[in-house]
Protein backbone atom coordinates (compact mmCIF):
# COMPACT_ATOMS: atom_id res chain seq x y z
CA MET A 1 -7.07 16.24 14.80
CA PRO A 2 -7.02 17.63 11.44
CA ILE A 3 -4.25 16.95 9.48
CA ASP A 4 -2.98 19.53 6.66
CA TYR A 5 -1.91 17.24 3.71
CA ASP A 6 -1.16 17.62 -0.26
CA ALA A 7 -4.96 16.19 -1.42
CA ASP A 8 -8.12 17.32 -2.73
CA LEU A 9 -10.38 16.16 -0.03
CA SER A 10 -9.66 16.71 4.02
CA VAL A 11 -9.01 14.01 6.49
CA SER A 12 -8.61 13.62 10.09
CA ALA A 13 -6.65 10.65 11.81
CA LEU A 14 -8.94 9.65 15.57
CA PRO A 15 -6.88 7.61 17.77
CA ALA A 16 -8.80 4.57 18.96
CA PHE A 17 -7.48 1.94 21.06
CA GLN A 18 -3.61 1.68 21.31
CA ASP A 19 -2.27 2.56 17.93
CA ASN A 20 -5.35 2.52 15.55
CA TYR A 21 -6.61 5.32 13.32
CA VAL A 22 -10.11 5.65 12.21
CA TRP A 23 -9.86 7.98 9.55
CA VAL A 24 -12.59 10.84 9.04
CA VAL A 25 -13.03 11.84 5.13
CA ARG A 26 -14.95 15.44 4.92
CA GLY A 27 -16.95 15.81 2.37
CA LEU A 28 -16.28 18.26 -0.94
CA LEU A 29 -20.16 19.34 -1.61
CA ASP A 30 -21.12 19.46 1.92
CA GLU A 31 -18.25 19.86 4.62
CA ARG A 32 -20.37 18.40 7.74
CA ARG A 33 -21.26 15.13 5.72
CA VAL A 34 -18.02 12.32 6.94
CA ALA A 35 -17.44 8.93 6.28
CA VAL A 36 -15.60 7.29 8.23
CA VAL A 37 -12.97 4.45 7.64
CA ASP A 38 -12.54 1.46 9.98
CA PRO A 39 -14.22 2.69 12.68
CA GLY A 40 -12.97 0.11 15.26
CA ASP A 41 -14.49 1.98 18.19
CA ALA A 42 -17.54 3.83 17.44
CA THR A 43 -16.68 6.12 20.63
CA VAL A 44 -14.05 8.20 19.36
CA VAL A 45 -16.10 8.69 16.22
CA GLU A 46 -19.29 9.58 18.32
CA GLN A 47 -16.88 12.47 19.72
CA ALA A 48 -15.74 14.09 17.19
CA LEU A 49 -18.62 14.10 14.94
CA ALA A 50 -20.43 15.85 18.03
CA GLN A 51 -17.40 18.39 18.47
CA HIS A 52 -17.32 19.26 14.92
CA GLN A 53 -21.37 18.97 14.31
CA TRP A 54 -20.23 16.46 11.58
CA ILE A 55 -23.37 14.06 9.69
CA LEU A 56 -22.02 10.66 9.72
CA ASP A 57 -22.62 9.39 5.76
CA SER A 58 -21.15 6.93 5.41
CA ILE A 59 -18.70 4.06 6.47
CA LEU A 60 -15.49 2.26 4.53
CA ILE A 61 -14.28 -1.20 5.95
CA THR A 62 -10.68 -2.85 4.41
CA HIS A 63 -11.26 -6.15 6.62
CA HIS A 64 -12.97 -7.86 8.75
CA HIS A 65 -10.75 -7.89 12.01
CA ALA A 66 -12.22 -6.58 15.31
CA ASP A 67 -10.16 -3.39 15.29
CA HIS A 68 -11.56 -2.41 12.09
CA VAL A 69 -15.11 -3.04 12.35
CA GLY A 70 -16.07 -3.12 15.99
CA GLY A 71 -18.11 0.13 16.11
CA ILE A 72 -20.13 -0.30 12.83
CA GLU A 73 -23.28 -1.83 14.91
CA ALA A 74 -23.14 1.18 17.54
CA LEU A 75 -23.38 3.68 15.13
CA LEU A 76 -25.67 2.38 13.06
CA SER A 77 -27.79 1.73 16.16
CA ARG A 78 -27.50 5.06 17.05
CA ARG A 79 -29.09 5.99 13.51
CA PRO A 80 -31.89 4.27 12.92
CA GLY A 81 -34.12 4.88 9.71
CA GLU A 82 -30.72 6.97 8.66
CA ASP A 83 -29.33 6.05 5.62
CA VAL A 84 -25.57 5.31 5.99
CA PRO A 85 -24.26 2.85 3.90
CA VAL A 86 -21.55 0.36 4.97
CA PHE A 87 -18.69 -0.86 2.15
CA GLY A 88 -17.18 -3.49 2.77
CA PRO A 89 -15.20 -6.80 1.29
CA ALA A 90 -17.94 -9.08 0.12
CA SER A 91 -15.76 -11.86 1.57
CA GLU A 92 -15.57 -11.39 4.21
CA SER A 93 -18.18 -10.79 7.45
CA ILE A 94 -18.58 -7.41 7.98
CA PRO A 95 -21.37 -6.56 10.74
CA GLY A 96 -23.86 -3.94 9.10
CA ARG A 97 -22.37 -4.49 5.23
CA SER A 98 -24.72 -3.04 2.58
CA VAL A 99 -22.55 -2.90 0.13
CA ALA A 100 -20.68 -6.10 -1.04
CA LEU A 101 -17.29 -5.01 -2.54
CA SER A 102 -14.82 -7.29 -4.09
CA GLY A 103 -12.28 -5.15 -6.04
CA GLY A 104 -12.40 -3.12 -9.34
CA GLU A 105 -15.54 -1.36 -8.19
CA THR A 106 -15.93 2.50 -8.22
CA ILE A 107 -18.25 3.40 -5.27
CA ASN A 108 -19.53 7.27 -5.45
CA LEU A 109 -20.42 8.94 -2.19
CA THR A 110 -22.44 11.37 -4.32
CA ARG A 111 -23.31 13.30 -0.99
CA LEU A 112 -19.86 13.75 -0.16
CA GLY A 113 -19.01 14.49 -4.00
CA LEU A 114 -16.48 12.17 -3.83
CA THR A 115 -15.37 8.76 -5.47
CA PHE A 116 -13.14 5.71 -4.88
CA ALA A 117 -11.65 3.22 -6.47
CA VAL A 118 -11.94 -0.28 -5.16
CA ILE A 119 -8.27 -2.46 -5.06
CA SER A 120 -8.29 -5.79 -3.81
CA VAL A 121 -5.29 -6.19 -1.89
CA PRO A 122 -4.87 -9.93 -0.37
CA GLY A 123 -2.20 -11.27 1.53
CA HIS A 124 -3.06 -9.67 5.39
CA THR A 125 -6.58 -11.14 4.72
CA LEU A 126 -7.85 -13.14 1.82
CA GLY A 127 -10.48 -10.37 1.26
CA HIS A 128 -8.78 -6.77 1.93
CA LEU A 129 -9.50 -4.45 0.14
CA ALA A 130 -8.13 -0.59 -0.46
CA TYR A 131 -9.90 2.68 -0.97
CA TYR A 132 -8.13 5.13 -3.82
CA GLY A 133 -9.45 8.54 -4.80
CA HIS A 134 -8.62 12.03 -4.71
CA ASN A 135 -4.91 11.37 -4.21
CA THR A 136 -5.45 9.66 -1.29
CA LEU A 137 -5.35 5.96 -0.20
CA PHE A 138 -6.99 4.21 2.47
CA SER A 139 -5.00 0.75 2.70
CA GLY A 140 -5.50 -0.25 5.70
CA ASP A 141 -3.70 -2.84 7.29
CA THR A 142 -1.70 -4.01 3.80
CA LEU A 143 0.25 -0.86 3.57
CA PHE A 144 2.33 0.53 6.44
CA SER A 145 4.42 3.27 6.39
CA ALA A 146 7.83 1.68 6.29
CA GLY A 147 5.89 -1.92 6.91
CA CYS A 148 3.02 -3.79 5.98
CA GLY A 149 0.85 -5.94 7.20
CA ARG A 150 1.01 -9.78 8.23
CA LEU A 151 0.06 -12.57 6.42
CA PHE A 152 -2.52 -13.70 9.27
CA GLU A 153 -4.97 -15.16 5.76
CA GLY A 154 -2.80 -14.54 2.74
CA THR A 155 0.54 -15.89 1.17
CA ALA A 156 3.36 -13.94 1.07
CA ALA A 157 3.12 -13.66 -2.98
CA GLN A 158 -0.41 -12.42 -2.83
CA MET A 159 0.74 -9.91 -0.61
CA LEU A 160 3.83 -8.73 -2.57
CA HIS A 161 1.01 -8.68 -5.74
CA SER A 162 -0.41 -6.01 -3.93
CA LEU A 163 2.24 -4.16 -2.59
CA ASP A 164 3.25 -3.89 -6.44
CA ARG A 165 -0.41 -2.70 -7.00
CA LEU A 166 -0.60 -0.27 -4.54
CA GLY A 167 3.02 0.87 -4.77
CA SER A 168 2.18 1.75 -8.45
CA LEU A 169 0.01 4.33 -8.04
CA PRO A 170 0.78 8.07 -8.41
CA GLY A 171 3.63 8.80 -6.05
CA SER A 172 1.83 12.00 -5.01
CA THR A 173 -1.04 9.68 -3.26
CA GLN A 174 -0.92 10.02 0.14
CA VAL A 175 -0.92 7.35 2.03
CA CYS A 176 -3.75 6.90 5.29
CA CYS A 177 -3.09 3.42 7.01
CA THR A 178 -4.56 1.94 10.40
CA HIS A 179 -2.08 1.81 12.61
CA GLU A 180 0.92 4.04 14.17
CA TYR A 181 3.50 1.93 13.41
CA THR A 182 5.70 3.90 11.48
CA ALA A 183 8.47 4.25 14.27
CA SER A 184 8.76 0.69 15.16
CA ASN A 185 8.76 -0.10 11.16
CA LEU A 186 11.79 2.28 10.70
CA ARG A 187 14.03 0.44 12.88
CA PHE A 188 13.47 -2.55 11.22
CA ALA A 189 14.50 -0.83 8.29
CA ALA A 190 17.30 0.33 9.88
CA VAL A 191 18.53 -3.22 10.09
CA VAL A 192 17.63 -3.69 6.32
CA GLU A 193 18.93 -0.88 5.03
CA PRO A 194 21.05 1.03 7.44
CA LEU A 195 22.83 3.10 5.05
CA ASN A 196 19.50 4.55 3.14
CA GLU A 197 19.21 8.25 3.73
CA ALA A 198 15.64 8.72 2.88
CA ARG A 199 15.28 6.72 6.19
CA VAL A 200 17.57 8.56 8.38
CA GLU A 201 15.49 11.35 7.27
CA ARG A 202 11.94 9.86 7.44
CA THR A 203 13.21 8.37 11.10
CA ALA A 204 14.39 12.06 12.44
CA GLN A 205 10.72 13.16 11.36
CA VAL A 206 8.95 10.83 12.76
CA LEU A 207 10.48 11.15 16.13
CA GLU A 208 9.55 14.35 16.29
CA LEU A 209 6.04 14.55 15.63
CA ARG A 210 5.46 11.49 18.18
CA ALA A 211 7.53 13.18 20.73
CA LYS A 212 4.78 16.04 20.05
CA GLY A 213 1.89 13.46 19.62
CA VAL A 214 1.39 14.04 16.23
CA PRO A 215 0.45 11.44 13.94
CA THR A 216 2.91 10.85 11.32
CA LEU A 217 0.45 9.71 9.32
CA PRO A 218 -0.45 10.68 6.19
CA VAL A 219 2.67 10.10 3.83
CA ARG A 220 3.29 10.87 0.33
CA LEU A 221 3.55 7.32 -1.39
CA SER A 222 6.74 8.42 -3.10
CA LYS A 223 8.88 8.48 0.30
CA GLU A 224 7.59 5.06 1.21
CA ARG A 225 8.97 3.78 -2.26
CA ALA A 226 12.93 5.44 -0.94
CA TYR A 227 12.70 3.64 2.45
CA ASN A 228 9.94 1.08 3.10
CA PRO A 229 11.67 -1.92 2.59
CA PHE A 230 8.58 -3.93 1.48
CA LEU A 231 8.13 -1.94 -1.51
CA ARG A 232 11.98 -2.28 -2.03
CA SER A 233 12.32 -6.11 -1.87
CA ARG A 234 13.51 -5.94 -5.78
CA GLU A 235 16.13 -3.62 -4.96
CA PRO A 236 19.46 -4.92 -4.47
CA SER A 237 20.25 -3.37 -1.24
CA VAL A 238 17.26 -4.97 0.30
CA ARG A 239 18.13 -8.90 -1.50
CA ALA A 240 21.85 -8.16 0.33
CA ALA A 241 20.45 -8.15 3.26
CA VAL A 242 17.93 -10.57 3.00
CA GLN A 243 20.48 -13.09 1.53
CA ALA A 244 22.97 -12.33 4.66
CA HIS A 245 19.90 -12.69 7.42
CA ALA A 246 19.11 -15.82 5.90
CA GLY A 247 22.93 -17.12 4.91
CA ARG A 248 22.12 -18.26 1.49
CA ALA A 249 21.63 -16.91 -2.04
CA ILE A 250 17.78 -15.86 -2.59
CA VAL A 251 17.05 -14.67 -6.05
CA ASP A 252 13.21 -15.27 -6.69
CA PRO A 253 11.75 -11.94 -6.01
CA MET A 254 8.91 -13.67 -4.32
CA GLU A 255 11.13 -15.61 -1.96
CA VAL A 256 12.93 -12.48 -1.14
CA PHE A 257 9.63 -10.81 0.04
CA ALA A 258 8.63 -13.82 1.71
CA THR A 259 11.90 -13.84 3.84
CA LEU A 260 12.24 -10.06 4.29
CA ARG A 261 8.55 -10.80 5.73
CA ARG A 262 9.69 -13.68 8.33
CA TRP A 263 12.18 -12.13 9.53
CA LYS A 264 10.27 -8.84 10.24
CA ASP A 265 8.33 -11.05 12.54
CA GLU A 266 11.24 -12.50 13.93
CA PHE A 267 12.23 -8.57 14.79
CA ARG A 268 12.46 -7.65 18.22
CA GLY A 269 14.15 -4.19 17.73
C-alpha cells in the first residue's frame, strides 16, 4: 500500500512474514522502475511488481539476516540476463550481492534518478548499513520507531554511535525501518518516560493506524527524537529511569545506553 509522506520520492511498504516490511522505491526518471530494500520474501515483491506493472531495477540490503535477504535469489532467478544490481554489506554473506559496500560510499541508481549515501551502522550486526537520500532513511534493524535493534553481533558502544549518526540527520528525514514494532516499542517507552507527551501523542496515532491495518511508517526523525528512548539516552529523564531500574548510579552515557538496551531485552510489557 503506497504511503504518502513528506519526502522527495515515492515509497511503498509491502508487509511480509509476521511484522516485516519490504520497501519499494519508485524511480524519479521512470516511475515504472523500482528498487526494493531488504526483500526477505520474493512472493510479496513479485505480486506488487505484477499488480503495478513495475520493473525491478535494483536491490538494496542492510544486513544479512534471512528475513532481509531470503528473497534475493528467487527475484534474480526470474530475471536471467537482466541487470539487477544487489547492493549490500561487504563484510556479510549476501546472496547475489554484486556491489559490496562498507559505508561512506554514494550509490547512484542512474535509471531511477536516485542517489543514496551509505552509512555504516554496526550494532545489530557488524556490517549493518543504512541508506540515506531524498529526505529518506532506510535504517533496516538499527533504528526502529520508538526503539532500536537488538545487539546480536555488535556492542552497545557501536549501537550508540550508530544511533548518534542516524539521529544527527535532518529532522525532516523520513525513517523507513524494516519491522512493525512501533506499538510494542512505545509500551516500553511509556515505562521509561511515562510523562512524555510526544510519546502519548504517538501512541494514540499508532493505535489508530494499526486498528485500520495501516503501517506506522515512515515516521519523521524529529518526532523520533522526542519519544524514542534510545535516541534520548542522554536525557536526564531517561538516565534517571535507567538508574532507578538498575538501582544504582550510572553516569557514563554508554553504560546508560547499554543498561537501557538490556532493560528492553528483558521487558515483557
